[in-house]
Amino acid sequence: MAVGLVGWHTLLTGHLGVVPHPMHAQVVGEHGDSEVLTWPLATIGGTTLDAFCHLHQVRLDAKTQAAH
């Protein structure tokens, strides 16, 4: 599923319940099936995505990531 950077921000911030402004993430590759979402590099307000999820008790496992 190709979502692009804007789509990824929208889906992820909706799942986490945050506004998209403090979120920073990258999509690499060409638009479409070759794009890759860089989950480990994503940050929210300067906090890594893993740390943010741990602090706010939000589950973001591989199944959730695959859905986005």
N, C-alpha and C. Protein backbone atom coordinates (compact mmCIF):
# COMPACT_ATOMS: atom_id res chain seq x y z
N MET A 1 0.85 -1.18 0.00
CA MET A 1 0.00 0.00 0.00
C MET A 1 0.89 1.24 0.00
N ALA A 2 0.81 2.03 -1.00
CA ALA A 2 1.61 3.24 -1.10
C ALA A 2 0.84 4.41 -0.51
N VAL A 3 1.38 5.00 0.56
CA VAL A 3 0.67 6.11 1.20
C VAL A 3 1.37 7.44 1.03
N GLY A 4 2.66 7.46 0.78
CA GLY A 4 3.41 8.70 0.67
C GLY A 4 3.59 9.34 2.03
N LEU A 5 4.40 10.37 2.08
CA LEU A 5 4.75 11.01 3.35
C LEU A 5 3.54 11.66 4.03
N VAL A 6 2.74 12.39 3.29
CA VAL A 6 1.57 13.06 3.89
C VAL A 6 0.58 12.03 4.41
N GLY A 7 0.34 11.00 3.64
CA GLY A 7 -0.57 9.94 4.07
C GLY A 7 -0.07 9.23 5.31
N TRP A 8 1.25 8.98 5.35
CA TRP A 8 1.83 8.31 6.51
C TRP A 8 1.70 9.18 7.75
N HIS A 9 1.98 10.46 7.63
CA HIS A 9 1.82 11.37 8.78
C HIS A 9 0.37 11.37 9.25
N THR A 10 -0.57 11.45 8.32
CA THR A 10 -1.98 11.48 8.67
C THR A 10 -2.41 10.21 9.39
N LEU A 11 -2.03 9.05 8.85
CA LEU A 11 -2.40 7.78 9.46
C LEU A 11 -1.75 7.61 10.83
N LEU A 12 -0.46 7.93 10.92
CA LEU A 12 0.26 7.71 12.17
C LEU A 12 -0.19 8.68 13.26
N THR A 13 -0.34 9.95 12.93
CA THR A 13 -0.77 10.90 13.95
C THR A 13 -2.20 10.62 14.41
N GLY A 14 -3.02 10.13 13.50
CA GLY A 14 -4.37 9.73 13.89
C GLY A 14 -4.35 8.55 14.85
N HIS A 15 -3.49 7.58 14.58
CA HIS A 15 -3.37 6.40 15.45
C HIS A 15 -2.83 6.79 16.83
N LEU A 16 -1.88 7.74 16.84
CA LEU A 16 -1.25 8.14 18.10
C LEU A 16 -2.01 9.24 18.83
N GLY A 17 -2.93 9.89 18.16
CA GLY A 17 -3.71 10.95 18.79
C GLY A 17 -2.93 12.23 18.99
N VAL A 18 -2.03 12.56 18.05
CA VAL A 18 -1.25 13.79 18.15
C VAL A 18 -1.46 14.61 16.87
N VAL A 19 -1.15 15.90 16.95
CA VAL A 19 -1.21 16.74 15.76
C VAL A 19 0.04 16.47 14.93
N PRO A 20 -0.01 16.63 13.61
CA PRO A 20 1.13 16.27 12.78
C PRO A 20 2.33 17.21 12.85
N HIS A 21 2.18 18.41 13.38
CA HIS A 21 3.26 19.39 13.35
C HIS A 21 4.55 18.94 14.01
N PRO A 22 4.52 18.30 15.20
CA PRO A 22 5.79 17.93 15.83
C PRO A 22 6.36 16.61 15.32
N MET A 23 5.70 15.96 14.36
CA MET A 23 6.16 14.67 13.87
C MET A 23 7.10 14.87 12.69
N HIS A 24 8.22 14.15 12.74
CA HIS A 24 9.18 14.17 11.64
C HIS A 24 9.46 12.73 11.22
N ALA A 25 9.28 12.47 9.94
CA ALA A 25 9.51 11.13 9.41
C ALA A 25 9.86 11.26 7.94
N GLN A 26 10.42 10.19 7.40
CA GLN A 26 10.80 10.19 5.99
C GLN A 26 10.29 8.95 5.29
N VAL A 27 10.01 9.13 4.02
CA VAL A 27 9.70 8.03 3.13
C VAL A 27 10.79 8.02 2.08
N VAL A 28 11.44 6.88 1.88
CA VAL A 28 12.50 6.78 0.88
C VAL A 28 12.03 5.93 -0.29
N GLY A 29 12.65 6.14 -1.42
CA GLY A 29 12.28 5.41 -2.63
C GLY A 29 11.36 6.25 -3.49
N GLU A 30 10.98 5.70 -4.61
CA GLU A 30 10.08 6.40 -5.52
C GLU A 30 8.64 6.20 -5.07
N HIS A 31 7.78 7.14 -5.45
CA HIS A 31 6.37 7.06 -5.09
C HIS A 31 5.78 5.77 -5.65
N GLY A 32 5.01 5.11 -4.85
CA GLY A 32 4.37 3.87 -5.29
C GLY A 32 4.88 2.67 -4.52
N ASP A 33 4.94 1.55 -5.18
CA ASP A 33 5.28 0.29 -4.51
C ASP A 33 6.71 0.23 -3.99
N SER A 34 7.60 1.08 -4.49
CA SER A 34 9.00 1.01 -4.05
C SER A 34 9.30 1.92 -2.86
N GLU A 35 8.33 2.69 -2.37
CA GLU A 35 8.60 3.57 -1.23
C GLU A 35 8.66 2.76 0.06
N VAL A 36 9.51 3.23 0.97
CA VAL A 36 9.71 2.56 2.26
C VAL A 36 9.50 3.59 3.37
N LEU A 37 8.68 3.26 4.34
CA LEU A 37 8.45 4.13 5.49
C LEU A 37 9.56 3.88 6.50
N THR A 38 10.25 4.91 6.93
CA THR A 38 11.39 4.77 7.83
C THR A 38 10.95 4.84 9.30
N TRP A 39 10.26 3.81 9.74
CA TRP A 39 9.72 3.76 11.11
C TRP A 39 10.77 4.06 12.18
N PRO A 40 11.96 3.45 12.14
CA PRO A 40 12.93 3.69 13.22
C PRO A 40 13.44 5.12 13.31
N LEU A 41 13.32 5.89 12.23
CA LEU A 41 13.82 7.26 12.22
C LEU A 41 12.77 8.30 12.58
N ALA A 42 11.53 7.89 12.71
CA ALA A 42 10.44 8.83 13.01
C ALA A 42 10.55 9.36 14.43
N THR A 43 10.26 10.67 14.58
CA THR A 43 10.25 11.29 15.91
C THR A 43 8.99 12.13 16.08
N ILE A 44 8.59 12.30 17.31
CA ILE A 44 7.47 13.17 17.66
C ILE A 44 7.97 14.11 18.75
N GLY A 45 8.04 15.38 18.42
CA GLY A 45 8.56 16.36 19.37
C GLY A 45 9.98 16.06 19.81
N GLY A 46 10.78 15.47 18.92
CA GLY A 46 12.16 15.14 19.24
C GLY A 46 12.34 13.81 19.95
N THR A 47 11.24 13.14 20.26
CA THR A 47 11.29 11.84 20.94
C THR A 47 11.12 10.75 19.89
N THR A 48 11.93 9.71 19.96
CA THR A 48 11.79 8.62 18.99
C THR A 48 10.38 8.02 19.09
N LEU A 49 9.94 7.47 18.00
CA LEU A 49 8.60 6.89 17.95
C LEU A 49 8.45 5.77 18.98
N ASP A 50 9.47 4.93 19.13
CA ASP A 50 9.42 3.86 20.13
C ASP A 50 9.28 4.41 21.54
N ALA A 51 10.08 5.43 21.86
CA ALA A 51 10.02 6.03 23.20
C ALA A 51 8.68 6.70 23.43
N PHE A 52 8.15 7.41 22.41
CA PHE A 52 6.86 8.07 22.54
C PHE A 52 5.77 7.04 22.84
N CYS A 53 5.77 5.96 22.09
CA CYS A 53 4.75 4.92 22.29
C CYS A 53 4.87 4.31 23.68
N HIS A 54 6.09 4.09 24.14
CA HIS A 54 6.29 3.54 25.49
C HIS A 54 5.78 4.51 26.56
N LEU A 55 6.14 5.79 26.43
CA LEU A 55 5.72 6.79 27.42
C LEU A 55 4.21 6.96 27.48
N HIS A 56 3.56 6.85 26.33
CA HIS A 56 2.10 7.08 26.26
C HIS A 56 1.31 5.79 26.19
N GLN A 57 1.98 4.67 26.40
CA GLN A 57 1.36 3.35 26.41
C GLN A 57 0.51 3.11 25.16
N VAL A 58 1.11 3.42 24.01
CA VAL A 58 0.47 3.20 22.72
C VAL A 58 1.15 2.01 22.06
N ARG A 59 0.35 1.08 21.59
CA ARG A 59 0.91 -0.09 20.93
C ARG A 59 1.10 0.20 19.45
N LEU A 60 2.32 0.01 18.98
CA LEU A 60 2.63 0.21 17.57
C LEU A 60 3.52 -0.95 17.15
N ASP A 61 2.89 -2.12 17.00
CA ASP A 61 3.64 -3.31 16.67
C ASP A 61 3.76 -3.50 15.15
N ALA A 62 4.38 -4.58 14.74
CA ALA A 62 4.60 -4.84 13.32
C ALA A 62 3.29 -4.94 12.55
N LYS A 63 2.24 -5.47 13.17
CA LYS A 63 0.94 -5.58 12.49
C LYS A 63 0.36 -4.19 12.22
N THR A 64 0.47 -3.30 13.19
CA THR A 64 -0.01 -1.93 13.02
C THR A 64 0.80 -1.22 11.94
N GLN A 65 2.11 -1.41 11.97
CA GLN A 65 2.98 -0.78 10.98
C GLN A 65 2.67 -1.30 9.58
N ALA A 66 2.41 -2.57 9.44
CA ALA A 66 2.10 -3.15 8.13
C ALA A 66 0.80 -2.60 7.58
N ALA A 67 -0.13 -2.23 8.45
CA ALA A 67 -1.41 -1.68 8.01
C ALA A 67 -1.26 -0.28 7.45
N HIS A 68 -0.16 0.38 7.78
CA HIS A 68 0.08 1.75 7.32
C HIS A 68 1.13 1.72 6.26
